[in-house]
Amino acid sequence: MQEAPRTGVNASHFGVQVGSTEDVTVAWSRFKQAGLETFTEENTACCYAMQDKVWIRDPDGNHWEVFARTPRPMCNRQRSFRGRARRRPR
């Protein structure tokens, strides 16, 4: 298990699930307008589903993701991602 720096909150990150990829795009746009640094992932295999995501970091250093599960099917190769490095926001 990889230890994250402690910020006073015992969580690796926080997630907000939205209804569609368009909702993720709206969140990305709002974050950019607010001057926040963002990191996006498209068509990403996570939690046994394909997802589109946008990540930000709050002033305390906590990572937040806004994500939507997509209707795209996962292939067997994408389901086996154990051991791969997970990309994180910058």
PDB file of N, CA and C in Angstrom:
ATOM      1  N   MET A   1       0.838  -1.175   0.000  1.00  0.00           N
ATOM      2  CA  MET A   1       0.000   0.000   0.000  1.00  0.00           C
ATOM      3  C   MET A   1       0.878   1.231   0.000  1.00  0.00           C
ATOM      4  N   GLN A   2       0.529   2.196  -0.819  1.00  0.00           N
ATOM      5  CA  GLN A   2       1.295   3.426  -0.902  1.00  0.00           C
ATOM      6  C   GLN A   2       0.704   4.453   0.058  1.00  0.00           C
ATOM      7  N   GLU A   3       1.543   5.027   0.891  1.00  0.00           N
ATOM      8  CA  GLU A   3       1.097   6.027   1.856  1.00  0.00           C
ATOM      9  C   GLU A   3       1.027   7.400   1.202  1.00  0.00           C
ATOM     10  N   ALA A   4      -0.051   8.097   1.417  1.00  0.00           N
ATOM     11  CA  ALA A   4      -0.194   9.467   0.937  1.00  0.00           C
ATOM     12  C   ALA A   4       0.181  10.420   2.062  1.00  0.00           C
ATOM     13  N   PRO A   5       0.705  11.591   1.719  1.00  0.00           N
ATOM     14  CA  PRO A   5       1.003  12.562   2.778  1.00  0.00           C
ATOM     15  C   PRO A   5      -0.270  12.905   3.539  1.00  0.00           C
ATOM     16  N   ARG A   6      -0.173  13.041   4.836  1.00  0.00           N
ATOM     17  CA  ARG A   6      -1.336  13.334   5.673  1.00  0.00           C
ATOM     18  C   ARG A   6      -1.675  14.819   5.636  1.00  0.00           C
ATOM     19  N   THR A   7      -2.947  15.084   5.384  1.00  0.00           N
ATOM     20  CA  THR A   7      -3.435  16.464   5.338  1.00  0.00           C
ATOM     21  C   THR A   7      -4.491  16.697   6.402  1.00  0.00           C
ATOM     22  N   GLY A   8      -4.625  15.753   7.328  1.00  0.00           N
ATOM     23  CA  GLY A   8      -5.655  15.876   8.341  1.00  0.00           C
ATOM     24  C   GLY A   8      -6.905  15.102   7.999  1.00  0.00           C
ATOM     25  N   VAL A   9      -6.949  14.540   6.803  1.00  0.00           N
ATOM     26  CA  VAL A   9      -8.098  13.760   6.358  1.00  0.00           C
ATOM     27  C   VAL A   9      -7.591  12.368   6.012  1.00  0.00           C
ATOM     28  N   ASN A  10      -8.247  11.338   6.506  1.00  0.00           N
ATOM     29  CA  ASN A  10      -7.820   9.968   6.216  1.00  0.00           C
ATOM     30  C   ASN A  10      -8.530   9.456   4.965  1.00  0.00           C
ATOM     31  N   ALA A  11      -8.150   9.962   3.823  1.00  0.00           N
ATOM     32  CA  ALA A  11      -8.717   9.523   2.554  1.00  0.00           C
ATOM     33  C   ALA A  11      -7.663   9.695   1.476  1.00  0.00           C
ATOM     34  N   SER A  12      -7.634   8.777   0.525  1.00  0.00           N
ATOM     35  CA  SER A  12      -6.684   8.927  -0.576  1.00  0.00           C
ATOM     36  C   SER A  12      -7.175   9.973  -1.576  1.00  0.00           C
ATOM     37  N   HIS A  13      -8.492  10.054  -1.744  1.00  0.00           N
ATOM     38  CA  HIS A  13      -9.095  11.083  -2.580  1.00  0.00           C
ATOM     39  C   HIS A  13     -10.611  11.047  -2.379  1.00  0.00           C
ATOM     40  N   PHE A  14     -11.269  12.026  -2.948  1.00  0.00           N
ATOM     41  CA  PHE A  14     -12.726  12.107  -2.877  1.00  0.00           C
ATOM     42  C   PHE A  14     -13.266  12.052  -4.297  1.00  0.00           C
ATOM     43  N   GLY A  15     -14.408  11.403  -4.492  1.00  0.00           N
ATOM     44  CA  GLY A  15     -15.000  11.296  -5.812  1.00  0.00           C
ATOM     45  C   GLY A  15     -16.444  11.740  -5.827  1.00  0.00           C
ATOM     46  N   VAL A  16     -16.810  12.362  -6.932  1.00  0.00           N
ATOM     47  CA  VAL A  16     -18.193  12.779  -7.156  1.00  0.00           C
ATOM     48  C   VAL A  16     -18.623  12.165  -8.485  1.00  0.00           C
ATOM     49  N   GLN A  17     -19.584  11.243  -8.429  1.00  0.00           N
ATOM     50  CA  GLN A  17     -20.075  10.625  -9.649  1.00  0.00           C
ATOM     51  C   GLN A  17     -21.193  11.477 -10.231  1.00  0.00           C
ATOM     52  N   VAL A  18     -21.088  11.752 -11.525  1.00  0.00           N
ATOM     53  CA  VAL A  18     -22.114  12.503 -12.238  1.00  0.00           C
ATOM     54  C   VAL A  18     -22.725  11.606 -13.306  1.00  0.00           C
ATOM     55  N   GLY A  19     -23.768  12.081 -13.944  1.00  0.00           N
ATOM     56  CA  GLY A  19     -24.554  11.232 -14.824  1.00  0.00           C
ATOM     57  C   GLY A  19     -24.006  10.980 -16.212  1.00  0.00           C
ATOM     58  N   SER A  20     -23.103  11.846 -16.705  1.00  0.00           N
ATOM     59  CA  SER A  20     -22.661  11.677 -18.086  1.00  0.00           C
ATOM     60  C   SER A  20     -21.295  12.322 -18.300  1.00  0.00           C
ATOM     61  N   THR A  21     -20.678  11.962 -19.421  1.00  0.00           N
ATOM     62  CA  THR A  21     -19.415  12.584 -19.812  1.00  0.00           C
ATOM     63  C   THR A  21     -19.605  14.088 -20.010  1.00  0.00           C
ATOM     64  N   GLU A  22     -20.770  14.486 -20.484  1.00  0.00           N
ATOM     65  CA  GLU A  22     -21.040  15.916 -20.665  1.00  0.00           C
ATOM     66  C   GLU A  22     -20.986  16.648 -19.318  1.00  0.00           C
ATOM     67  N   ASP A  23     -21.464  15.993 -18.253  1.00  0.00           N
ATOM     68  CA  ASP A  23     -21.391  16.589 -16.918  1.00  0.00           C
ATOM     69  C   ASP A  23     -19.937  16.732 -16.451  1.00  0.00           C
ATOM     70  N   VAL A  24     -19.095  15.776 -16.811  1.00  0.00           N
ATOM     71  CA  VAL A  24     -17.667  15.874 -16.493  1.00  0.00           C
ATOM     72  C   VAL A  24     -17.067  17.070 -17.230  1.00  0.00           C
ATOM     73  N   THR A  25     -17.451  17.246 -18.481  1.00  0.00           N
ATOM     74  CA  THR A  25     -16.955  18.380 -19.273  1.00  0.00           C
ATOM     75  C   THR A  25     -17.396  19.704 -18.674  1.00  0.00           C
ATOM     76  N   VAL A  26     -18.613  19.779 -18.192  1.00  0.00           N
ATOM     77  CA  VAL A  26     -19.109  21.001 -17.536  1.00  0.00           C
ATOM     78  C   VAL A  26     -18.291  21.279 -16.280  1.00  0.00           C
ATOM     79  N   ALA A  27     -18.012  20.245 -15.482  1.00  0.00           N
ATOM     80  CA  ALA A  27     -17.198  20.418 -14.271  1.00  0.00           C
ATOM     81  C   ALA A  27     -15.803  20.908 -14.646  1.00  0.00           C
ATOM     82  N   TRP A  28     -15.190  20.305 -15.666  1.00  0.00           N
ATOM     83  CA  TRP A  28     -13.870  20.727 -16.123  1.00  0.00           C
ATOM     84  C   TRP A  28     -13.874  22.215 -16.494  1.00  0.00           C
ATOM     85  N   SER A  29     -14.898  22.620 -17.226  1.00  0.00           N
ATOM     86  CA  SER A  29     -15.005  24.016 -17.649  1.00  0.00           C
ATOM     87  C   SER A  29     -15.108  24.959 -16.446  1.00  0.00           C
ATOM     88  N   ARG A  30     -15.907  24.587 -15.471  1.00  0.00           N
ATOM     89  CA  ARG A  30     -16.055  25.413 -14.263  1.00  0.00           C
ATOM     90  C   ARG A  30     -14.759  25.485 -13.477  1.00  0.00           C
ATOM     91  N   PHE A  31     -14.050  24.362 -13.365  1.00  0.00           N
ATOM     92  CA  PHE A  31     -12.767  24.359 -12.658  1.00  0.00           C
ATOM     93  C   PHE A  31     -11.769  25.276 -13.357  1.00  0.00           C
ATOM     94  N   LYS A  32     -11.709  25.201 -14.687  1.00  0.00           N
ATOM     95  CA  LYS A  32     -10.796  26.050 -15.455  1.00  0.00           C
ATOM     96  C   LYS A  32     -11.146  27.528 -15.271  1.00  0.00           C
ATOM     97  N   GLN A  33     -12.439  27.852 -15.318  1.00  0.00           N
ATOM     98  CA  GLN A  33     -12.872  29.242 -15.132  1.00  0.00           C
ATOM     99  C   GLN A  33     -12.493  29.761 -13.753  1.00  0.00           C
ATOM    100  N   ALA A  34     -12.456  28.857 -12.776  1.00  0.00           N
ATOM    101  CA  ALA A  34     -12.085  29.239 -11.408  1.00  0.00           C
ATOM    102  C   ALA A  34     -10.568  29.306 -11.231  1.00  0.00           C
ATOM    103  N   GLY A  35      -9.817  28.972 -12.279  1.00  0.00           N
ATOM    104  CA  GLY A  35      -8.365  29.043 -12.211  1.00  0.00           C
ATOM    105  C   GLY A  35      -7.704  27.829 -11.572  1.00  0.00           C
ATOM    106  N   LEU A  36      -8.432  26.715 -11.465  1.00  0.00           N
ATOM    107  CA  LEU A  36      -7.875  25.516 -10.853  1.00  0.00           C
ATOM    108  C   LEU A  36      -7.121  24.685 -11.885  1.00  0.00           C
ATOM    109  N   GLU A  37      -6.033  24.060 -11.446  1.00  0.00           N
ATOM    110  CA  GLU A  37      -5.298  23.147 -12.303  1.00  0.00           C
ATOM    111  C   GLU A  37      -6.070  21.834 -12.382  1.00  0.00           C
ATOM    112  N   THR A  38      -6.240  21.310 -13.589  1.00  0.00           N
ATOM    113  CA  THR A  38      -7.014  20.084 -13.778  1.00  0.00           C
ATOM    114  C   THR A  38      -6.169  19.024 -14.439  1.00  0.00           C
ATOM    115  N   PHE A  39      -6.608  17.796 -14.286  1.00  0.00           N
ATOM    116  CA  PHE A  39      -6.019  16.633 -14.952  1.00  0.00           C
ATOM    117  C   PHE A  39      -7.193  15.780 -15.408  1.00  0.00           C
ATOM    118  N   THR A  40      -7.201  15.380 -16.666  1.00  0.00           N
ATOM    119  CA  THR A  40      -8.329  14.600 -17.170  1.00  0.00           C
ATOM    120  C   THR A  40      -7.891  13.191 -17.559  1.00  0.00           C
ATOM    121  N   GLU A  41      -8.830  12.271 -17.463  1.00  0.00           N
ATOM    122  CA  GLU A  41      -8.653  10.904 -17.928  1.00  0.00           C
ATOM    123  C   GLU A  41      -9.891  10.546 -18.731  1.00  0.00           C
ATOM    124  N   GLU A  42      -9.675  10.033 -19.920  1.00  0.00           N
ATOM    125  CA  GLU A  42     -10.788   9.634 -20.770  1.00  0.00           C
ATOM    126  C   GLU A  42     -10.692   8.148 -21.071  1.00  0.00           C
ATOM    127  N   ASN A  43     -11.851   7.503 -21.066  1.00  0.00           N
ATOM    128  CA  ASN A  43     -11.928   6.084 -21.404  1.00  0.00           C
ATOM    129  C   ASN A  43     -10.971   5.272 -20.524  1.00  0.00           C
ATOM    130  N   THR A  44     -11.020   5.517 -19.217  1.00  0.00           N
ATOM    131  CA  THR A  44     -10.126   4.905 -18.248  1.00  0.00           C
ATOM    132  C   THR A  44     -10.808   3.739 -17.547  1.00  0.00           C
ATOM    133  N   ALA A  45     -10.106   2.618 -17.432  1.00  0.00           N
ATOM    134  CA  ALA A  45     -10.634   1.464 -16.701  1.00  0.00           C
ATOM    135  C   ALA A  45     -10.400   1.689 -15.215  1.00  0.00           C
ATOM    136  N   CYS A  46     -11.482   1.720 -14.440  1.00  0.00           N
ATOM    137  CA  CYS A  46     -11.392   1.926 -12.998  1.00  0.00           C
ATOM    138  C   CYS A  46     -12.624   1.309 -12.349  1.00  0.00           C
ATOM    139  N   CYS A  47     -12.409   0.585 -11.273  1.00  0.00           N
ATOM    140  CA  CYS A  47     -13.525  -0.008 -10.526  1.00  0.00           C
ATOM    141  C   CYS A  47     -14.414  -0.858 -11.421  1.00  0.00           C
ATOM    142  N   TYR A  48     -13.795  -1.626 -12.308  1.00  0.00           N
ATOM    143  CA  TYR A  48     -14.499  -2.549 -13.202  1.00  0.00           C
ATOM    144  C   TYR A  48     -15.473  -1.847 -14.139  1.00  0.00           C
ATOM    145  N   ALA A  49     -15.174  -0.597 -14.475  1.00  0.00           N
ATOM    146  CA  ALA A  49     -16.009   0.147 -15.416  1.00  0.00           C
ATOM    147  C   ALA A  49     -15.132   1.124 -16.189  1.00  0.00           C
ATOM    148  N   MET A  50     -15.594   1.519 -17.351  1.00  0.00           N
ATOM    149  CA  MET A  50     -14.911   2.549 -18.120  1.00  0.00           C
ATOM    150  C   MET A  50     -15.447   3.900 -17.643  1.00  0.00           C
ATOM    151  N   GLN A  51     -14.535   4.846 -17.452  1.00  0.00           N
ATOM    152  CA  GLN A  51     -14.923   6.138 -16.897  1.00  0.00           C
ATOM    153  C   GLN A  51     -14.202   7.277 -17.602  1.00  0.00           C
ATOM    154  N   ASP A  52     -14.844   8.437 -17.600  1.00  0.00           N
ATOM    155  CA  ASP A  52     -14.222   9.703 -17.976  1.00  0.00           C
ATOM    156  C   ASP A  52     -14.144  10.524 -16.702  1.00  0.00           C
ATOM    157  N   LYS A  53     -12.997  11.235 -16.500  1.00  0.00           N
ATOM    158  CA  LYS A  53     -12.765  11.915 -15.218  1.00  0.00           C
ATOM    159  C   LYS A  53     -12.070  13.250 -15.407  1.00  0.00           C
ATOM    160  N   VAL A  54     -12.289  14.117 -14.437  1.00  0.00           N
ATOM    161  CA  VAL A  54     -11.472  15.310 -14.280  1.00  0.00           C
ATOM    162  C   VAL A  54     -11.071  15.368 -12.808  1.00  0.00           C
ATOM    163  N   TRP A  55      -9.793  15.678 -12.569  1.00  0.00           N
ATOM    164  CA  TRP A  55      -9.242  15.738 -11.215  1.00  0.00           C
ATOM    165  C   TRP A  55      -8.816  17.164 -10.890  1.00  0.00           C
ATOM    166  N   ILE A  56      -8.951  17.523  -9.607  1.00  0.00           N
ATOM    167  CA  ILE A  56      -8.396  18.767  -9.075  1.00  0.00           C
ATOM    168  C   ILE A  56      -7.812  18.473  -7.696  1.00  0.00           C
ATOM    169  N   ARG A  57      -7.077  19.434  -7.159  1.00  0.00           N
ATOM    170  CA  ARG A  57      -6.551  19.329  -5.804  1.00  0.00           C
ATOM    171  C   ARG A  57      -7.052  20.547  -5.029  1.00  0.00           C
ATOM    172  N   ASP A  58      -7.606  20.312  -3.832  1.00  0.00           N
ATOM    173  CA  ASP A  58      -8.121  21.425  -3.035  1.00  0.00           C
ATOM    174  C   ASP A  58      -6.967  22.113  -2.281  1.00  0.00           C
ATOM    175  N   PRO A  59      -7.237  23.247  -1.627  1.00  0.00           N
ATOM    176  CA  PRO A  59      -6.168  23.981  -0.934  1.00  0.00           C
ATOM    177  C   PRO A  59      -5.459  23.179   0.159  1.00  0.00           C
ATOM    178  N   ASP A  60      -6.106  22.140   0.685  1.00  0.00           N
ATOM    179  CA  ASP A  60      -5.477  21.291   1.699  1.00  0.00           C
ATOM    180  C   ASP A  60      -4.653  20.162   1.085  1.00  0.00           C
ATOM    181  N   GLY A  61      -4.634  20.068  -0.243  1.00  0.00           N
ATOM    182  CA  GLY A  61      -3.865  19.031  -0.912  1.00  0.00           C
ATOM    183  C   GLY A  61      -4.634  17.759  -1.187  1.00  0.00           C
ATOM    184  N   ASN A  62      -5.919  17.736  -0.869  1.00  0.00           N
ATOM    185  CA  ASN A  62      -6.745  16.560  -1.141  1.00  0.00           C
ATOM    186  C   ASN A  62      -7.101  16.506  -2.626  1.00  0.00           C
ATOM    187  N   HIS A  63      -7.071  15.306  -3.198  1.00  0.00           N
ATOM    188  CA  HIS A  63      -7.435  15.114  -4.600  1.00  0.00           C
ATOM    189  C   HIS A  63      -8.925  14.825  -4.695  1.00  0.00           C
ATOM    190  N   TRP A  64      -9.565  15.448  -5.690  1.00  0.00           N
ATOM    191  CA  TRP A  64     -10.992  15.258  -5.965  1.00  0.00           C
ATOM    192  C   TRP A  64     -11.141  14.816  -7.412  1.00  0.00           C
ATOM    193  N   GLU A  65     -12.025  13.870  -7.635  1.00  0.00           N
ATOM    194  CA  GLU A  65     -12.339  13.483  -9.007  1.00  0.00           C
ATOM    195  C   GLU A  65     -13.835  13.640  -9.241  1.00  0.00           C
ATOM    196  N   VAL A  66     -14.172  14.169 -10.401  1.00  0.00           N
ATOM    197  CA  VAL A  66     -15.551  14.168 -10.880  1.00  0.00           C
ATOM    198  C   VAL A  66     -15.539  13.166 -12.028  1.00  0.00           C
ATOM    199  N   PHE A  67     -16.390  12.147 -11.942  1.00  0.00           N
ATOM    200  CA  PHE A  67     -16.328  11.085 -12.933  1.00  0.00           C
ATOM    201  C   PHE A  67     -17.707  10.626 -13.355  1.00  0.00           C
ATOM    202  N   ALA A  68     -17.735  10.034 -14.546  1.00  0.00           N
ATOM    203  CA  ALA A  68     -18.955   9.407 -15.066  1.00  0.00           C
ATOM    204  C   ALA A  68     -18.570   8.058 -15.640  1.00  0.00           C
ATOM    205  N   ARG A  69     -19.358   7.057 -15.316  1.00  0.00           N
ATOM    206  CA  ARG A  69     -19.188   5.759 -15.979  1.00  0.00           C
ATOM    207  C   ARG A  69     -19.709   5.898 -17.393  1.00  0.00           C
ATOM    208  N   THR A  70     -19.015   5.274 -18.313  1.00  0.00           N
ATOM    209  CA  THR A  70     -19.409   5.385 -19.717  1.00  0.00           C
ATOM    210  C   THR A  70     -20.010   4.068 -20.194  1.00  0.00           C
ATOM    211  N   PRO A  71     -20.755   4.103 -21.278  1.00  0.00           N
ATOM    212  CA  PRO A  71     -21.343   2.873 -21.798  1.00  0.00           C
ATOM    213  C   PRO A  71     -20.347   2.006 -22.556  1.00  0.00           C
ATOM    214  N   ARG A  72     -19.099   2.480 -22.706  1.00  0.00           N
ATOM    215  CA  ARG A  72     -18.103   1.703 -23.446  1.00  0.00           C
ATOM    216  C   ARG A  72     -17.779   0.414 -22.692  1.00  0.00           C
ATOM    217  N   PRO A  73     -17.758  -0.717 -23.380  1.00  0.00           N
ATOM    218  CA  PRO A  73     -17.447  -1.991 -22.709  1.00  0.00           C
ATOM    219  C   PRO A  73     -15.956  -2.106 -22.405  1.00  0.00           C
ATOM    220  N   MET A  74     -15.637  -2.883 -21.376  1.00  0.00           N
ATOM    221  CA  MET A  74     -14.252  -3.160 -21.036  1.00  0.00           C
ATOM    222  C   MET A  74     -13.838  -4.460 -21.713  1.00  0.00           C
ATOM    223  N   CYS A  75     -12.634  -4.495 -22.241  1.00  0.00           N
ATOM    224  CA  CYS A  75     -12.118  -5.752 -22.760  1.00  0.00           C
ATOM    225  C   CYS A  75     -11.351  -6.448 -21.635  1.00  0.00           C
ATOM    226  N   ASN A  76     -11.034  -7.701 -21.791  1.00  0.00           N
ATOM    227  CA  ASN A  76     -10.341  -8.459 -20.743  1.00  0.00           C
ATOM    228  C   ASN A  76      -9.020  -7.821 -20.343  1.00  0.00           C
ATOM    229  N   ARG A  77      -8.287  -7.266 -21.303  1.00  0.00           N
ATOM    230  CA  ARG A  77      -7.015  -6.640 -20.999  1.00  0.00           C
ATOM    231  C   ARG A  77      -7.194  -5.447 -20.065  1.00  0.00           C
ATOM    232  N   GLN A  78      -8.228  -4.665 -20.266  1.00  0.00           N
ATOM    233  CA  GLN A  78      -8.462  -3.492 -19.440  1.00  0.00           C
ATOM    234  C   GLN A  78      -8.893  -3.881 -18.030  1.00  0.00           C
ATOM    235  N   ARG A  79      -9.517  -5.028 -17.862  1.00  0.00           N
ATOM    236  CA  ARG A  79      -9.953  -5.450 -16.537  1.00  0.00           C
ATOM    237  C   ARG A  79      -8.776  -5.831 -15.647  1.00  0.00           C
ATOM    238  N   SER A  80      -7.670  -6.210 -16.249  1.00  0.00           N
ATOM    239  CA  SER A  80      -6.523  -6.667 -15.483  1.00  0.00           C
ATOM    240  C   SER A  80      -5.512  -5.531 -15.344  1.00  0.00           C
ATOM    241  N   PHE A  81      -5.788  -4.582 -14.464  1.00  0.00           N
ATOM    242  CA  PHE A  81      -4.886  -3.452 -14.301  1.00  0.00           C
ATOM    243  C   PHE A  81      -4.183  -3.475 -12.956  1.00  0.00           C
ATOM    244  N   ARG A  82      -4.286  -4.529 -12.217  1.00  0.00           N
ATOM    245  CA  ARG A  82      -3.623  -4.637 -10.916  1.00  0.00           C
ATOM    246  C   ARG A  82      -2.111  -4.529 -11.120  1.00  0.00           C
ATOM    247  N   GLY A  83      -1.473  -3.726 -10.305  1.00  0.00           N
ATOM    248  CA  GLY A  83      -0.032  -3.588 -10.363  1.00  0.00           C
ATOM    249  C   GLY A  83       0.430  -2.441 -11.240  1.00  0.00           C
ATOM    250  N   ARG A  84      -0.455  -1.876 -12.056  1.00  0.00           N
ATOM    251  CA  ARG A  84      -0.052  -0.735 -12.878  1.00  0.00           C
ATOM    252  C   ARG A  84      -0.064   0.512 -12.032  1.00  0.00           C
ATOM    253  N   ALA A  85       0.818   1.416 -12.326  1.00  0.00           N
ATOM    254  CA  ALA A  85       0.848   2.688 -11.613  1.00  0.00           C
ATOM    255  C   ALA A  85      -0.405   3.480 -11.955  1.00  0.00           C
ATOM    256  N   ARG A  86      -0.979   4.079 -10.968  1.00  0.00           N
ATOM    257  CA  ARG A  86      -2.177   4.896 -11.174  1.00  0.00           C
ATOM    258  C   ARG A  86      -1.759   6.334 -11.396  1.00  0.00           C
ATOM    259  N   ARG A  87      -2.333   6.947 -12.425  1.00  0.00           N
ATOM    260  CA  ARG A  87      -1.990   8.332 -12.710  1.00  0.00           C
ATOM    261  C   ARG A  87      -2.668   9.232 -11.689  1.00  0.00           C
ATOM    262  N   ARG A  88      -1.973  10.245 -11.264  1.00  0.00           N
ATOM    263  CA  ARG A  88      -2.494  11.176 -10.269  1.00  0.00           C
ATOM    264  C   ARG A  88      -2.441  12.604 -10.822  1.00  0.00           C
ATOM    265  N   PRO A  89      -3.249  13.475 -10.283  1.00  0.00           N
ATOM    266  CA  PRO A  89      -3.207  14.880 -10.721  1.00  0.00           C
ATOM    267  C   PRO A  89      -1.865  15.493 -10.388  1.00  0.00           C
ATOM    268  N   ARG A  90      -1.517  16.486 -11.109  1.00  0.00           N
ATOM    269  CA  ARG A  90      -0.246  17.197 -10.874  1.00  0.00           C
ATOM    270  C   ARG A  90      -0.485  18.494 -10.167  1.00  0.00           C
TER     271      ARG A  90
END
